Amino acid sequence: MNSKYNISSYIHIKNNQVSLNGSVIFIEEHSIFTNFIKAAYKAQNTKYPKFFKMDNLSKLAFLAADILLKKQNLNVENNNNIALVFSNKASSLDTDISHQKAIQHKDNYFPSPAVFVYTLPNICLGEISIKYKLYTENSFFIFEHFNAEHLIANSNSLLDTNKAESVLCGWVELEGENYEAFLYLVSKEGTLEHNKQNIITLYNT
């Protein structure tokens, strides 16, 4: 059975490079994540001052989403009917570890709100929603491995029930210097059918 929805664009951020629709648009070799993501942010002319206060997972997710959505020529002053369905394996573990270390180095328990606020993986969805004025559904799921079937089921359900006109889906994983973002936009537009095989092929590209 053919899908009635299509993938219109996709993005990868991994191995010190950013690829949009299969083409490398930024690369910075031999760079640690914090330097790489900052350089990629500046190279893409992204304008969101709060970016520098985010934890690393949110920076990764936000930049991937921002680059992809900018290519859709969205007007950020409008309410864009785009839902978000993200997933990963480690949840917010990278920030959780930083938070725990901060507590252990204090005589008293006074956690930093700036760190504590990011001890949930779905905070990155909020950052994207604020930038693009999204008031639609958003979810962040934790899986042992990339789960294409779950992304299909959730995104198709949102589209079938008219809860969104398009869905930004994908996998955003970060543990220390190991990071990977793969996002794609699904709607009635586009030429690549939204099915399991195509999603897995794009993910492994």
Protein backbone atom coordinates (compact mmCIF):
# COMPACT_ATOMS: atom_id res chain seq x y z
CA MET A 1 0.00 0.00 0.00
CA ASN A 2 1.46 3.31 -1.08
CA SER A 3 1.71 6.19 1.34
CA LYS A 4 -0.24 9.36 0.60
CA TYR A 5 2.50 11.43 2.24
CA ASN A 6 5.97 12.31 1.04
CA ILE A 7 9.34 13.42 2.35
CA SER A 8 10.13 16.88 1.03
CA SER A 9 13.56 17.44 2.62
CA TYR A 10 15.97 15.99 5.15
CA ILE A 11 19.12 16.88 7.05
CA HIS A 12 22.05 15.13 8.73
CA ILE A 13 24.47 16.54 11.26
CA LYS A 14 27.25 14.11 12.18
CA ASN A 15 30.99 13.55 11.79
CA ASN A 16 31.69 17.29 11.89
CA GLN A 17 29.54 18.08 8.89
CA VAL A 18 26.07 19.24 7.95
CA SER A 19 24.31 17.72 4.92
CA LEU A 20 21.03 18.99 3.51
CA ASN A 21 19.14 16.74 1.08
CA GLY A 22 22.29 14.70 0.55
CA SER A 23 24.63 17.62 -0.15
CA VAL A 24 27.28 18.77 2.33
CA ILE A 25 26.70 22.44 3.20
CA PHE A 26 29.17 22.79 6.07
CA ILE A 27 32.18 20.87 7.31
CA GLU A 28 34.77 21.50 9.98
CA GLU A 29 37.15 18.61 10.53
CA HIS A 30 39.06 17.83 13.71
CA SER A 31 36.77 19.89 15.90
CA ILE A 32 35.15 19.07 19.23
CA PHE A 33 31.36 19.27 19.28
CA THR A 34 31.06 22.62 21.08
CA ASN A 35 33.34 24.33 18.55
CA PHE A 36 31.79 22.56 15.58
CA ILE A 37 28.18 23.41 16.44
CA LYS A 38 29.06 27.04 17.14
CA ALA A 39 30.87 27.32 13.81
CA ALA A 40 27.97 25.66 11.98
CA TYR A 41 25.51 28.05 13.66
CA LYS A 42 27.50 31.08 12.48
CA ALA A 43 28.05 29.69 8.99
CA GLN A 44 24.29 29.20 8.49
CA ASN A 45 23.58 32.76 9.59
CA THR A 46 21.15 31.54 12.23
CA LYS A 47 19.67 34.30 14.38
CA TYR A 48 18.62 33.10 17.82
CA PRO A 49 20.69 34.53 20.71
CA LYS A 50 19.32 31.98 23.19
CA PHE A 51 21.19 29.30 21.22
CA PHE A 52 24.35 29.91 23.23
CA LYS A 53 22.55 29.20 26.52
CA MET A 54 21.18 25.84 25.38
CA ASP A 55 22.60 22.46 26.34
CA ASN A 56 24.38 20.50 23.63
CA LEU A 57 21.42 18.27 22.73
CA SER A 58 19.19 21.29 22.21
CA LYS A 59 21.85 23.04 20.13
CA LEU A 60 22.10 20.00 17.88
CA ALA A 61 18.33 19.59 17.48
CA PHE A 62 17.68 23.30 17.11
CA LEU A 63 20.30 23.87 14.43
CA ALA A 64 19.20 20.85 12.39
CA ALA A 65 15.56 21.97 12.54
CA ASP A 66 16.41 25.60 11.83
CA ILE A 67 18.45 24.83 8.72
CA LEU A 68 15.76 22.50 7.38
CA LEU A 69 12.84 24.82 8.11
CA LYS A 70 14.59 27.90 6.73
CA LYS A 71 14.79 26.13 3.39
CA GLN A 72 10.97 25.95 3.42
CA ASN A 73 10.84 29.76 3.32
CA LEU A 74 8.67 29.86 6.43
CA ASN A 75 7.61 33.19 7.82
CA VAL A 76 8.48 33.00 11.52
CA GLU A 77 5.89 35.68 12.24
CA ASN A 78 3.12 33.28 11.23
CA ASN A 79 1.73 30.31 13.15
CA ASN A 80 3.22 27.43 11.20
CA ASN A 81 1.19 24.22 11.31
CA ILE A 82 4.15 21.86 11.76
CA ALA A 83 4.17 19.09 14.36
CA LEU A 84 7.38 17.69 15.88
CA VAL A 85 8.13 13.99 16.48
CA PHE A 86 11.68 13.43 17.74
CA SER A 87 13.46 10.47 19.29
CA ASN A 88 16.79 9.23 20.60
CA LYS A 89 18.41 6.61 22.82
CA ALA A 90 20.18 8.55 25.58
CA SER A 91 17.39 11.02 26.44
CA SER A 92 19.06 14.03 28.14
CA LEU A 93 21.84 11.95 29.71
CA ASP A 94 24.62 14.31 28.64
CA THR A 95 23.02 17.20 30.53
CA ASP A 96 21.97 14.96 33.41
CA ILE A 97 25.63 14.09 33.97
CA SER A 98 26.63 17.75 33.96
CA HIS A 99 23.86 18.53 36.42
CA GLN A 100 24.93 15.71 38.74
CA LYS A 101 28.56 16.82 38.66
CA ALA A 102 27.53 20.36 39.55
CA ILE A 103 25.63 19.08 42.58
CA GLN A 104 28.51 16.92 43.75
CA HIS A 105 30.88 19.88 43.73
CA LYS A 106 28.66 21.96 45.99
CA ASP A 107 28.42 21.87 49.78
CA ASN A 108 24.70 22.45 49.51
CA TYR A 109 22.11 21.42 46.96
CA PHE A 110 21.67 24.50 44.82
CA PRO A 111 21.31 23.24 41.23
CA SER A 112 21.72 25.76 38.45
CA PRO A 113 18.36 26.48 36.79
CA ALA A 114 20.23 27.10 33.53
CA VAL A 115 21.38 23.47 33.53
CA PHE A 116 18.42 21.86 35.27
CA VAL A 117 15.90 23.14 32.71
CA TYR A 118 17.56 20.98 30.05
CA THR A 119 17.36 17.72 31.99
CA LEU A 120 14.42 16.69 29.84
CA PRO A 121 15.01 15.82 26.17
CA ASN A 122 11.82 17.52 24.95
CA ILE A 123 13.10 20.96 25.92
CA CYS A 124 14.71 21.14 22.48
CA LEU A 125 11.22 20.92 20.97
CA GLY A 126 10.23 23.99 22.94
CA GLU A 127 13.19 25.95 21.57
CA ILE A 128 12.23 25.06 17.99
CA SER A 129 8.57 25.85 18.66
CA ILE A 130 9.41 29.27 20.08
CA LYS A 131 11.59 30.21 17.10
CA TYR A 132 9.01 29.10 14.51
CA LYS A 133 5.84 29.86 16.49
CA LEU A 134 4.63 26.27 16.45
CA TYR A 135 1.52 25.52 18.50
CA THR A 136 0.99 22.02 17.13
CA GLU A 137 1.60 18.60 18.69
CA ASN A 138 5.13 17.67 19.73
CA SER A 139 6.58 14.49 21.21
CA PHE A 140 9.98 13.11 22.14
CA PHE A 141 10.35 9.31 22.35
CA ILE A 142 13.16 7.16 23.73
CA PHE A 143 14.13 3.99 21.84
CA GLU A 144 17.05 1.58 21.92
CA HIS A 145 17.61 2.15 18.19
CA PHE A 146 16.36 4.38 15.38
CA ASN A 147 12.70 3.45 14.93
CA ALA A 148 11.36 4.29 11.49
CA GLU A 149 8.04 2.49 12.03
CA HIS A 150 7.22 4.62 15.07
CA LEU A 151 8.02 7.84 13.21
CA ILE A 152 5.73 6.78 10.37
CA ALA A 153 2.87 5.81 12.67
CA ASN A 154 2.99 9.03 14.68
CA SER A 155 3.47 11.44 11.81
CA ASN A 156 0.83 9.80 9.60
CA SER A 157 -1.64 9.88 12.49
CA LEU A 158 -1.08 13.62 12.98
CA LEU A 159 -1.56 14.25 9.28
CA ASP A 160 -4.57 11.93 8.92
CA THR A 161 -6.39 13.69 11.78
CA ASN A 162 -5.53 17.18 10.46
CA LYS A 163 -3.61 18.05 13.61
CA ALA A 164 -0.80 19.29 11.39
CA GLU A 165 -0.13 20.09 7.75
CA SER A 166 3.40 18.71 7.98
CA VAL A 167 5.55 16.90 10.55
CA LEU A 168 9.23 17.32 11.33
CA CYS A 169 10.47 13.89 12.39
CA GLY A 170 13.72 12.26 13.31
CA TRP A 171 16.51 11.17 15.61
CA VAL A 172 18.70 13.50 17.68
CA GLU A 173 21.33 11.74 19.78
CA LEU A 174 24.19 13.17 21.83
CA GLU A 175 26.52 11.66 24.42
CA GLY A 176 29.70 13.65 24.91
CA GLU A 177 31.51 13.80 21.56
CA ASN A 178 29.19 11.23 19.98
CA TYR A 179 26.38 13.03 18.22
CA GLU A 180 23.99 12.57 15.34
CA ALA A 181 20.96 14.42 14.05
CA PHE A 182 18.70 13.15 11.28
CA LEU A 183 15.50 15.07 10.62
CA TYR A 184 13.07 15.01 7.74
CA LEU A 185 9.89 16.87 6.84
CA VAL A 186 6.83 14.90 5.78
CA SER A 187 3.61 16.22 4.21
CA LYS A 188 1.60 15.84 1.02
CA GLU A 189 4.36 17.74 -0.80
CA GLY A 190 7.56 16.21 -2.12
CA THR A 191 8.48 13.36 -4.44
CA LEU A 192 9.93 10.72 -2.11
CA GLU A 193 7.30 8.41 -0.66
CA HIS A 194 7.09 8.37 3.15
CA ASN A 195 7.67 4.70 3.87
CA LYS A 196 9.94 2.62 6.09
CA GLN A 197 12.48 1.70 3.42
CA ASN A 198 12.96 5.27 2.23
CA ILE A 199 13.34 6.59 5.78
CA ILE A 200 15.94 3.96 6.67
CA THR A 201 17.80 4.60 3.42
CA LEU A 202 17.96 8.34 4.13
CA TYR A 203 18.97 7.73 7.74
CA ASN A 204 21.86 5.53 6.66
CA THR A 205 23.01 7.90 3.92
